All heavy atoms as atom14 arrays in JSON, in Angstrom:
{
  "sequence": "WYRQAPGKQRELVAVITKGGSANYADSVKGRFTISRDNAKNTVYL",
  "atom14_mask": [
    [1, 1, 1, 1, 1, 1, 1, 1, 1, 1, 1, 1, 1, 1],
    [1, 1, 1, 1, 1, 1, 1, 1, 1, 1, 1, 1, 0, 0],
    [1, 1, 1, 1, 1, 1, 1, 1, 1, 1, 1, 0, 0, 0],
    [1, 1, 1, 1, 1, 1, 1, 1, 1, 0, 0, 0, 0, 0],
    [1, 1, 1, 1, 1, 0, 0, 0, 0, 0, 0, 0, 0, 0],
    [1, 1, 1, 1, 1, 1, 1, 0, 0, 0, 0, 0, 0, 0],
    [1, 1, 1, 1, 0, 0, 0, 0, 0, 0, 0, 0, 0, 0],
    [1, 1, 1, 1, 1, 1, 1, 1, 1, 0, 0, 0, 0, 0],
    [1, 1, 1, 1, 1, 1, 1, 1, 1, 0, 0, 0, 0, 0],
    [1, 1, 1, 1, 1, 1, 1, 1, 1, 1, 1, 0, 0, 0],
    [1, 1, 1, 1, 1, 1, 1, 1, 1, 0, 0, 0, 0, 0],
    [1, 1, 1, 1, 1, 1, 1, 1, 0, 0, 0, 0, 0, 0],
    [1, 1, 1, 1, 1, 1, 1, 0, 0, 0, 0, 0, 0, 0],
    [1, 1, 1, 1, 1, 0, 0, 0, 0, 0, 0, 0, 0, 0],
    [1, 1, 1, 1, 1, 1, 1, 0, 0, 0, 0, 0, 0, 0],
    [1, 1, 1, 1, 1, 1, 1, 1, 0, 0, 0, 0, 0, 0],
    [1, 1, 1, 1, 1, 1, 1, 0, 0, 0, 0, 0, 0, 0],
    [1, 1, 1, 1, 1, 1, 1, 1, 1, 0, 0, 0, 0, 0],
    [1, 1, 1, 1, 0, 0, 0, 0, 0, 0, 0, 0, 0, 0],
    [1, 1, 1, 1, 0, 0, 0, 0, 0, 0, 0, 0, 0, 0],
    [1, 1, 1, 1, 1, 1, 0, 0, 0, 0, 0, 0, 0, 0],
    [1, 1, 1, 1, 1, 0, 0, 0, 0, 0, 0, 0, 0, 0],
    [1, 1, 1, 1, 1, 1, 1, 1, 0, 0, 0, 0, 0, 0],
    [1, 1, 1, 1, 1, 1, 1, 1, 1, 1, 1, 1, 0, 0],
    [1, 1, 1, 1, 1, 0, 0, 0, 0, 0, 0, 0, 0, 0],
    [1, 1, 1, 1, 1, 1, 1, 1, 0, 0, 0, 0, 0, 0],
    [1, 1, 1, 1, 1, 1, 0, 0, 0, 0, 0, 0, 0, 0],
    [1, 1, 1, 1, 1, 1, 1, 0, 0, 0, 0, 0, 0, 0],
    [1, 1, 1, 1, 1, 1, 1, 1, 1, 0, 0, 0, 0, 0],
    [1, 1, 1, 1, 0, 0, 0, 0, 0, 0, 0, 0, 0, 0],
    [1, 1, 1, 1, 1, 1, 1, 1, 1, 1, 1, 0, 0, 0],
    [1, 1, 1, 1, 1, 1, 1, 1, 1, 1, 1, 0, 0, 0],
    [1, 1, 1, 1, 1, 1, 1, 0, 0, 0, 0, 0, 0, 0],
    [1, 1, 1, 1, 1, 1, 1, 1, 0, 0, 0, 0, 0, 0],
    [1, 1, 1, 1, 1, 1, 0, 0, 0, 0, 0, 0, 0, 0],
    [1, 1, 1, 1, 1, 1, 1, 1, 1, 1, 1, 0, 0, 0],
    [1, 1, 1, 1, 1, 1, 1, 1, 0, 0, 0, 0, 0, 0],
    [1, 1, 1, 1, 1, 1, 1, 1, 0, 0, 0, 0, 0, 0],
    [1, 1, 1, 1, 1, 0, 0, 0, 0, 0, 0, 0, 0, 0],
    [1, 1, 1, 1, 1, 1, 1, 1, 1, 0, 0, 0, 0, 0],
    [1, 1, 1, 1, 1, 1, 1, 1, 0, 0, 0, 0, 0, 0],
    [1, 1, 1, 1, 1, 1, 1, 0, 0, 0, 0, 0, 0, 0],
    [1, 1, 1, 1, 1, 1, 1, 0, 0, 0, 0, 0, 0, 0],
    [1, 1, 1, 1, 1, 1, 1, 1, 1, 1, 1, 1, 0, 0],
    [1, 1, 1, 1, 1, 1, 1, 1, 0, 0, 0, 0, 0, 0]
  ],
  "atom14_positions": [
    [[183.67, 21.14, -14.4], [184.45, 20.36, -15.33], [185.89, 20.27, -14.8], [186.37, 21.45, -14.46], [184.42, 20.93, -16.66], [183.15, 20.7, -17.45], [181.94, 21.47, -17.55], [182.83, 19.29, -18.08], [181.08, 20.71, -18.3], [181.58, 19.42, -18.69], [183.52, 18.24, -18.4], [181.02, 18.5, -19.4], [182.97, 17.16, -19.16], [181.75, 17.23, -19.59]],
    [[186.53, 19.16, -14.73], [187.77, 19.05, -14.31], [188.57, 18.35, -15.44], [187.91, 17.66, -16.36], [187.82, 18.02, -13.06], [187.06, 18.49, -11.87], [185.66, 18.39, -11.83], [187.69, 18.88, -10.79], [184.94, 18.7, -10.73], [186.96, 19.39, -9.53], [185.6, 19.15, -9.59], [184.84, 19.54, -8.5], [0.0, 0.0, 0.0], [0.0, 0.0, 0.0]],
    [[189.87, 18.49, -15.45], [190.68, 17.75, -16.43], [192.05, 17.24, -15.8], [192.53, 17.83, -14.88], [191.03, 18.75, -17.56], [191.93, 19.85, -17.33], [192.05, 20.76, -18.53], [193.11, 21.78, -18.43], [193.23, 22.74, -19.19], [192.5, 22.86, -20.43], [194.06, 23.6, -18.87], [0.0, 0.0, 0.0], [0.0, 0.0, 0.0], [0.0, 0.0, 0.0]],
    [[192.5, 16.27, -16.34], [193.72, 15.68, -15.93], [194.64, 15.31, -17.15], [194.14, 14.49, -18.01], [193.58, 14.38, -15.14], [194.87, 13.76, -14.5], [194.65, 12.87, -13.4], [193.49, 12.21, -13.32], [195.63, 12.65, -12.47], [0.0, 0.0, 0.0], [0.0, 0.0, 0.0], [0.0, 0.0, 0.0], [0.0, 0.0, 0.0], [0.0, 0.0, 0.0]],
    [[195.78, 16.05, -17.24], [196.62, 15.72, -18.4], [197.81, 14.72, -17.89], [197.91, 14.52, -16.58], [197.4, 17.0, -18.81], [0.0, 0.0, 0.0], [0.0, 0.0, 0.0], [0.0, 0.0, 0.0], [0.0, 0.0, 0.0], [0.0, 0.0, 0.0], [0.0, 0.0, 0.0], [0.0, 0.0, 0.0], [0.0, 0.0, 0.0], [0.0, 0.0, 0.0]],
    [[198.37, 13.94, -18.78], [199.3, 12.89, -18.37], [200.38, 13.52, -17.52], [200.98, 14.52, -17.81], [199.82, 12.53, -19.69], [198.83, 12.87, -20.73], [198.21, 14.13, -20.25], [0.0, 0.0, 0.0], [0.0, 0.0, 0.0], [0.0, 0.0, 0.0], [0.0, 0.0, 0.0], [0.0, 0.0, 0.0], [0.0, 0.0, 0.0], [0.0, 0.0, 0.0]],
    [[200.59, 12.76, -16.28], [201.64, 13.22, -15.45], [201.26, 14.44, -14.58], [202.14, 14.95, -13.89], [0.0, 0.0, 0.0], [0.0, 0.0, 0.0], [0.0, 0.0, 0.0], [0.0, 0.0, 0.0], [0.0, 0.0, 0.0], [0.0, 0.0, 0.0], [0.0, 0.0, 0.0], [0.0, 0.0, 0.0], [0.0, 0.0, 0.0], [0.0, 0.0, 0.0]],
    [[200.09, 14.94, -14.73], [199.7, 16.08, -13.93], [198.51, 15.82, -12.99], [197.83, 14.83, -13.26], [199.3, 17.31, -14.8], [200.53, 17.82, -15.61], [200.18, 19.07, -16.35], [201.23, 19.64, -17.11], [200.98, 20.79, -17.72], [0.0, 0.0, 0.0], [0.0, 0.0, 0.0], [0.0, 0.0, 0.0], [0.0, 0.0, 0.0], [0.0, 0.0, 0.0]],
    [[198.26, 16.65, -12.13], [197.12, 16.4, -11.12], [195.86, 16.87, -11.75], [195.97, 17.79, -12.67], [197.43, 17.32, -9.81], [198.48, 16.62, -8.82], [198.42, 17.29, -7.52], [197.99, 18.52, -7.4], [198.86, 16.57, -6.65], [0.0, 0.0, 0.0], [0.0, 0.0, 0.0], [0.0, 0.0, 0.0], [0.0, 0.0, 0.0], [0.0, 0.0, 0.0]],
    [[194.84, 16.41, -11.37], [193.48, 16.73, -11.84], [193.16, 18.14, -11.34], [193.51, 18.56, -10.31], [192.47, 15.8, -11.32], [191.08, 15.95, -11.99], [190.21, 14.72, -11.61], [190.69, 13.45, -11.94], [190.07, 12.26, -11.73], [188.89, 12.39, -11.18], [190.59, 11.12, -11.97], [0.0, 0.0, 0.0], [0.0, 0.0, 0.0], [0.0, 0.0, 0.0]],
    [[192.69, 18.91, -12.33], [192.45, 20.34, -11.99], [190.96, 20.79, -12.35], [190.42, 20.13, -13.35], [193.47, 21.27, -12.7], [193.36, 21.3, -14.16], [194.21, 22.37, -14.95], [194.58, 23.38, -14.25], [194.51, 22.12, -16.08], [0.0, 0.0, 0.0], [0.0, 0.0, 0.0], [0.0, 0.0, 0.0], [0.0, 0.0, 0.0], [0.0, 0.0, 0.0]],
    [[190.49, 21.66, -11.63], [189.16, 22.29, -11.86], [189.31, 23.46, -12.96], [190.01, 24.33, -12.66], [188.55, 22.76, -10.61], [187.11, 23.38, -10.59], [186.13, 22.43, -11.22], [186.7, 23.98, -9.39], [0.0, 0.0, 0.0], [0.0, 0.0, 0.0], [0.0, 0.0, 0.0], [0.0, 0.0, 0.0], [0.0, 0.0, 0.0], [0.0, 0.0, 0.0]],
    [[188.66, 23.32, -13.98], [188.66, 24.33, -14.96], [187.49, 25.24, -15.05], [187.67, 26.42, -15.57], [189.06, 23.79, -16.47], [190.42, 23.04, -16.44], [187.98, 22.84, -17.0], [0.0, 0.0, 0.0], [0.0, 0.0, 0.0], [0.0, 0.0, 0.0], [0.0, 0.0, 0.0], [0.0, 0.0, 0.0], [0.0, 0.0, 0.0], [0.0, 0.0, 0.0]],
    [[186.33, 24.79, -14.71], [185.12, 25.6, -14.8], [184.06, 25.16, -13.84], [183.95, 23.89, -13.61], [184.51, 25.49, -16.3], [0.0, 0.0, 0.0], [0.0, 0.0, 0.0], [0.0, 0.0, 0.0], [0.0, 0.0, 0.0], [0.0, 0.0, 0.0], [0.0, 0.0, 0.0], [0.0, 0.0, 0.0], [0.0, 0.0, 0.0], [0.0, 0.0, 0.0]],
    [[183.36, 26.14, -13.3], [182.31, 25.82, -12.18], [181.1, 26.65, -12.66], [181.25, 27.77, -13.1], [182.78, 26.28, -10.97], [181.78, 26.01, -9.81], [184.16, 25.6, -10.54], [0.0, 0.0, 0.0], [0.0, 0.0, 0.0], [0.0, 0.0, 0.0], [0.0, 0.0, 0.0], [0.0, 0.0, 0.0], [0.0, 0.0, 0.0], [0.0, 0.0, 0.0]],
    [[179.94, 25.98, -12.51], [178.71, 26.6, -12.51], [177.91, 26.4, -11.3], [177.63, 25.25, -10.98], [177.96, 26.36, -13.93], [176.76, 27.32, -14.1], [177.62, 24.88, -13.97], [176.32, 27.15, -15.44], [0.0, 0.0, 0.0], [0.0, 0.0, 0.0], [0.0, 0.0, 0.0], [0.0, 0.0, 0.0], [0.0, 0.0, 0.0], [0.0, 0.0, 0.0]],
    [[177.36, 27.44, -10.74], [176.59, 27.29, -9.47], [175.22, 26.87, -9.86], [174.7, 26.85, -11.09], [176.4, 28.61, -8.77], [175.73, 29.56, -9.57], [177.84, 29.18, -8.44], [0.0, 0.0, 0.0], [0.0, 0.0, 0.0], [0.0, 0.0, 0.0], [0.0, 0.0, 0.0], [0.0, 0.0, 0.0], [0.0, 0.0, 0.0], [0.0, 0.0, 0.0]],
    [[174.39, 26.57, -8.96], [173.0, 26.13, -9.15], [172.23, 27.18, -9.86], [171.28, 27.02, -10.54], [172.39, 25.51, -7.94], [172.21, 26.58, -6.75], [171.61, 25.96, -5.55], [171.43, 26.93, -4.39], [170.79, 26.33, -3.27], [0.0, 0.0, 0.0], [0.0, 0.0, 0.0], [0.0, 0.0, 0.0], [0.0, 0.0, 0.0], [0.0, 0.0, 0.0]],
    [[172.63, 28.53, -9.56], [171.86, 29.69, -10.06], [172.46, 30.11, -11.45], [171.89, 31.08, -11.98], [0.0, 0.0, 0.0], [0.0, 0.0, 0.0], [0.0, 0.0, 0.0], [0.0, 0.0, 0.0], [0.0, 0.0, 0.0], [0.0, 0.0, 0.0], [0.0, 0.0, 0.0], [0.0, 0.0, 0.0], [0.0, 0.0, 0.0], [0.0, 0.0, 0.0]],
    [[173.66, 29.36, -11.96], [173.99, 29.73, -13.27], [175.19, 30.68, -13.37], [175.63, 30.94, -14.49], [0.0, 0.0, 0.0], [0.0, 0.0, 0.0], [0.0, 0.0, 0.0], [0.0, 0.0, 0.0], [0.0, 0.0, 0.0], [0.0, 0.0, 0.0], [0.0, 0.0, 0.0], [0.0, 0.0, 0.0], [0.0, 0.0, 0.0], [0.0, 0.0, 0.0]],
    [[175.81, 31.02, -12.14], [177.04, 31.81, -12.24], [178.22, 30.91, -12.46], [178.35, 29.9, -12.05], [177.19, 32.47, -10.85], [176.22, 33.5, -10.6], [0.0, 0.0, 0.0], [0.0, 0.0, 0.0], [0.0, 0.0, 0.0], [0.0, 0.0, 0.0], [0.0, 0.0, 0.0], [0.0, 0.0, 0.0], [0.0, 0.0, 0.0], [0.0, 0.0, 0.0]],
    [[179.17, 31.38, -13.37], [180.32, 30.63, -13.86], [181.58, 31.21, -13.45], [181.73, 32.49, -13.38], [180.19, 30.46, -15.32], [0.0, 0.0, 0.0], [0.0, 0.0, 0.0], [0.0, 0.0, 0.0], [0.0, 0.0, 0.0], [0.0, 0.0, 0.0], [0.0, 0.0, 0.0], [0.0, 0.0, 0.0], [0.0, 0.0, 0.0], [0.0, 0.0, 0.0]],
    [[182.56, 30.39, -13.12], [183.92, 30.81, -12.87], [184.71, 29.89, -13.78], [184.51, 28.63, -13.85], [184.24, 30.81, -11.48], [183.62, 32.05, -10.73], [184.11, 33.22, -10.89], [182.72, 31.94, -9.99], [0.0, 0.0, 0.0], [0.0, 0.0, 0.0], [0.0, 0.0, 0.0], [0.0, 0.0, 0.0], [0.0, 0.0, 0.0], [0.0, 0.0, 0.0]],
    [[185.96, 30.33, -14.08], [186.94, 29.65, -14.88], [188.33, 29.78, -14.22], [188.74, 30.78, -13.76], [186.9, 30.28, -16.32], [185.59, 30.07, -16.86], [184.59, 31.16, -16.9], [185.16, 28.99, -17.59], [183.41, 31.08, -17.39], [183.83, 28.89, -18.14], [182.89, 29.92, -18.03], [181.75, 29.91, -18.57], [0.0, 0.0, 0.0], [0.0, 0.0, 0.0]],
    [[189.15, 28.7, -14.64], [190.61, 28.78, -14.32], [191.19, 29.77, -15.29], [190.7, 30.01, -16.34], [191.17, 27.47, -14.59], [0.0, 0.0, 0.0], [0.0, 0.0, 0.0], [0.0, 0.0, 0.0], [0.0, 0.0, 0.0], [0.0, 0.0, 0.0], [0.0, 0.0, 0.0], [0.0, 0.0, 0.0], [0.0, 0.0, 0.0], [0.0, 0.0, 0.0]],
    [[192.24, 30.46, -14.82], [192.81, 31.42, -15.72], [193.22, 30.84, -17.08], [193.23, 31.6, -18.16], [194.02, 32.14, -15.07], [193.65, 33.08, -13.87], [192.39, 33.35, -13.91], [194.53, 33.29, -13.06], [0.0, 0.0, 0.0], [0.0, 0.0, 0.0], [0.0, 0.0, 0.0], [0.0, 0.0, 0.0], [0.0, 0.0, 0.0], [0.0, 0.0, 0.0]],
    [[193.66, 29.67, -17.07], [194.2, 29.09, -18.4], [193.11, 28.91, -19.34], [193.38, 28.71, -20.52], [194.75, 27.66, -17.93], [193.87, 26.78, -17.32], [0.0, 0.0, 0.0], [0.0, 0.0, 0.0], [0.0, 0.0, 0.0], [0.0, 0.0, 0.0], [0.0, 0.0, 0.0], [0.0, 0.0, 0.0], [0.0, 0.0, 0.0], [0.0, 0.0, 0.0]],
    [[191.84, 28.86, -19.08], [190.82, 28.7, -20.08], [189.84, 29.78, -20.14], [188.98, 29.9, -20.95], [189.96, 27.42, -19.71], [190.86, 26.29, -19.54], [189.01, 27.6, -18.46], [0.0, 0.0, 0.0], [0.0, 0.0, 0.0], [0.0, 0.0, 0.0], [0.0, 0.0, 0.0], [0.0, 0.0, 0.0], [0.0, 0.0, 0.0], [0.0, 0.0, 0.0]],
    [[189.98, 30.87, -19.33], [189.16, 32.02, -19.37], [189.18, 32.67, -20.67], [190.16, 32.92, -21.38], [189.62, 33.04, -18.17], [188.62, 33.93, -17.74], [189.08, 34.67, -16.52], [189.15, 33.87, -15.33], [189.54, 34.62, -14.05], [0.0, 0.0, 0.0], [0.0, 0.0, 0.0], [0.0, 0.0, 0.0], [0.0, 0.0, 0.0], [0.0, 0.0, 0.0]],
    [[188.04, 32.93, -21.13], [187.76, 33.65, -22.48], [187.76, 32.66, -23.6], [187.37, 33.08, -24.75], [0.0, 0.0, 0.0], [0.0, 0.0, 0.0], [0.0, 0.0, 0.0], [0.0, 0.0, 0.0], [0.0, 0.0, 0.0], [0.0, 0.0, 0.0], [0.0, 0.0, 0.0], [0.0, 0.0, 0.0], [0.0, 0.0, 0.0], [0.0, 0.0, 0.0]],
    [[187.86, 31.46, -23.41], [188.02, 30.33, -24.39], [186.82, 29.32, -24.15], [186.4, 28.69, -25.05], [189.38, 29.76, -24.53], [190.48, 30.58, -24.85], [191.81, 29.82, -25.16], [192.22, 29.07, -24.0], [192.34, 27.79, -23.91], [192.15, 27.07, -25.0], [192.88, 27.21, -22.95], [0.0, 0.0, 0.0], [0.0, 0.0, 0.0], [0.0, 0.0, 0.0]],
    [[186.77, 29.02, -22.94], [185.68, 27.98, -22.57], [184.54, 28.62, -21.9], [184.48, 29.56, -21.26], [186.46, 26.91, -21.54], [187.38, 26.02, -21.95], [188.07, 26.25, -23.28], [187.96, 24.94, -21.22], [189.01, 25.4, -23.59], [188.92, 24.14, -21.52], [189.49, 24.37, -22.87], [0.0, 0.0, 0.0], [0.0, 0.0, 0.0], [0.0, 0.0, 0.0]],
    [[183.32, 27.84, -22.24], [182.04, 28.29, -21.48], [181.35, 27.2, -20.94], [181.16, 26.23, -21.68], [181.11, 29.03, -22.53], [181.89, 30.14, -23.1], [180.0, 29.54, -21.87], [0.0, 0.0, 0.0], [0.0, 0.0, 0.0], [0.0, 0.0, 0.0], [0.0, 0.0, 0.0], [0.0, 0.0, 0.0], [0.0, 0.0, 0.0], [0.0, 0.0, 0.0]],
    [[181.01, 27.37, -19.66], [180.3, 26.15, -18.96], [178.86, 26.65, -18.92], [178.39, 27.76, -18.81], [180.77, 25.94, -17.55], [180.16, 24.71, -16.96], [180.71, 27.14, -16.66], [180.74, 24.2, -15.71], [0.0, 0.0, 0.0], [0.0, 0.0, 0.0], [0.0, 0.0, 0.0], [0.0, 0.0, 0.0], [0.0, 0.0, 0.0], [0.0, 0.0, 0.0]],
    [[177.87, 25.68, -19.12], [176.41, 25.93, -19.01], [175.75, 24.7, -18.45], [176.4, 23.67, -18.45], [175.92, 26.42, -20.34], [176.11, 25.31, -21.29], [0.0, 0.0, 0.0], [0.0, 0.0, 0.0], [0.0, 0.0, 0.0], [0.0, 0.0, 0.0], [0.0, 0.0, 0.0], [0.0, 0.0, 0.0], [0.0, 0.0, 0.0], [0.0, 0.0, 0.0]],
    [[174.57, 24.88, -18.04], [173.82, 23.75, -17.56], [172.31, 23.78, -18.07], [171.79, 24.82, -18.25], [173.88, 23.67, -16.13], [173.2, 24.83, -15.27], [173.65, 24.85, -13.89], [173.15, 23.71, -13.12], [173.64, 23.24, -11.9], [174.62, 23.8, -11.39], [173.14, 22.13, -11.47], [0.0, 0.0, 0.0], [0.0, 0.0, 0.0], [0.0, 0.0, 0.0]],
    [[171.72, 22.66, -18.13], [170.3, 22.49, -18.38], [169.7, 21.7, -17.32], [169.86, 20.41, -17.31], [170.11, 21.88, -19.73], [168.68, 21.83, -20.27], [167.7, 21.92, -19.28], [168.38, 21.72, -21.45], [0.0, 0.0, 0.0], [0.0, 0.0, 0.0], [0.0, 0.0, 0.0], [0.0, 0.0, 0.0], [0.0, 0.0, 0.0], [0.0, 0.0, 0.0]],
    [[169.14, 22.23, -16.31], [168.71, 21.51, -15.13], [167.6, 20.46, -15.56], [167.4, 19.48, -14.96], [168.13, 22.45, -14.08], [169.39, 23.18, -13.34], [170.55, 22.65, -13.41], [169.08, 24.22, -12.7], [0.0, 0.0, 0.0], [0.0, 0.0, 0.0], [0.0, 0.0, 0.0], [0.0, 0.0, 0.0], [0.0, 0.0, 0.0], [0.0, 0.0, 0.0]],
    [[166.76, 20.95, -16.57], [165.74, 19.94, -17.01], [166.15, 18.72, -17.58], [165.53, 17.72, -17.56], [164.75, 20.68, -17.95], [0.0, 0.0, 0.0], [0.0, 0.0, 0.0], [0.0, 0.0, 0.0], [0.0, 0.0, 0.0], [0.0, 0.0, 0.0], [0.0, 0.0, 0.0], [0.0, 0.0, 0.0], [0.0, 0.0, 0.0], [0.0, 0.0, 0.0]],
    [[167.34, 18.88, -18.15], [167.9, 17.64, -18.73], [169.02, 16.94, -17.77], [169.74, 16.06, -18.18], [168.53, 17.9, -20.02], [167.63, 18.42, -21.0], [168.16, 18.52, -22.5], [167.22, 18.95, -23.48], [167.78, 19.25, -24.82], [0.0, 0.0, 0.0], [0.0, 0.0, 0.0], [0.0, 0.0, 0.0], [0.0, 0.0, 0.0], [0.0, 0.0, 0.0]],
    [[169.27, 17.59, -16.67], [170.31, 17.07, -15.68], [171.61, 16.96, -16.5], [172.43, 15.99, -16.24], [169.97, 15.68, -15.19], [168.88, 15.79, -14.03], [168.45, 16.92, -13.74], [168.59, 14.67, -13.44], [0.0, 0.0, 0.0], [0.0, 0.0, 0.0], [0.0, 0.0, 0.0], [0.0, 0.0, 0.0], [0.0, 0.0, 0.0], [0.0, 0.0, 0.0]],
    [[172.02, 17.98, -17.19], [173.19, 17.98, -18.08], [173.99, 19.27, -17.8], [173.34, 20.39, -17.87], [172.78, 17.64, -19.53], [172.07, 16.49, -19.62], [174.01, 17.68, -20.38], [0.0, 0.0, 0.0], [0.0, 0.0, 0.0], [0.0, 0.0, 0.0], [0.0, 0.0, 0.0], [0.0, 0.0, 0.0], [0.0, 0.0, 0.0], [0.0, 0.0, 0.0]],
    [[175.27, 19.13, -17.92], [176.27, 20.3, -17.85], [177.08, 20.13, -19.1], [177.28, 19.02, -19.48], [176.97, 20.31, -16.59], [177.82, 19.09, -16.42], [177.86, 21.53, -16.53], [0.0, 0.0, 0.0], [0.0, 0.0, 0.0], [0.0, 0.0, 0.0], [0.0, 0.0, 0.0], [0.0, 0.0, 0.0], [0.0, 0.0, 0.0], [0.0, 0.0, 0.0]],
    [[177.4, 21.4, -19.71], [177.95, 21.41, -20.9], [179.39, 22.22, -20.79], [179.51, 23.01, -19.89], [177.3, 22.1, -22.03], [175.85, 21.49, -22.21], [174.7, 21.88, -21.59], [175.81, 20.27, -23.18], [173.59, 21.34, -21.8], [174.56, 19.68, -23.36], [173.39, 20.23, -22.68], [172.29, 19.71, -22.87], [0.0, 0.0, 0.0], [0.0, 0.0, 0.0]],
    [[180.36, 21.95, -21.62], [181.56, 22.68, -21.74], [181.83, 23.07, -23.26], [182.25, 22.14, -24.0], [182.75, 22.07, -21.07], [183.97, 22.94, -20.9], [183.72, 24.07, -19.97], [185.2, 22.23, -20.44], [0.0, 0.0, 0.0], [0.0, 0.0, 0.0], [0.0, 0.0, 0.0], [0.0, 0.0, 0.0], [0.0, 0.0, 0.0], [0.0, 0.0, 0.0]]
  ]
}
């Protein structure tokens, strides 16, 4: 999941590997959770 605020560059805020491991930008750590459902080809935030 990436985000772009007005006047700012696009930034990566959360990553989930194919195996389900997640990493977060410091600005969202502890508040955002990324997950995925491979059966539905869908990623969530």
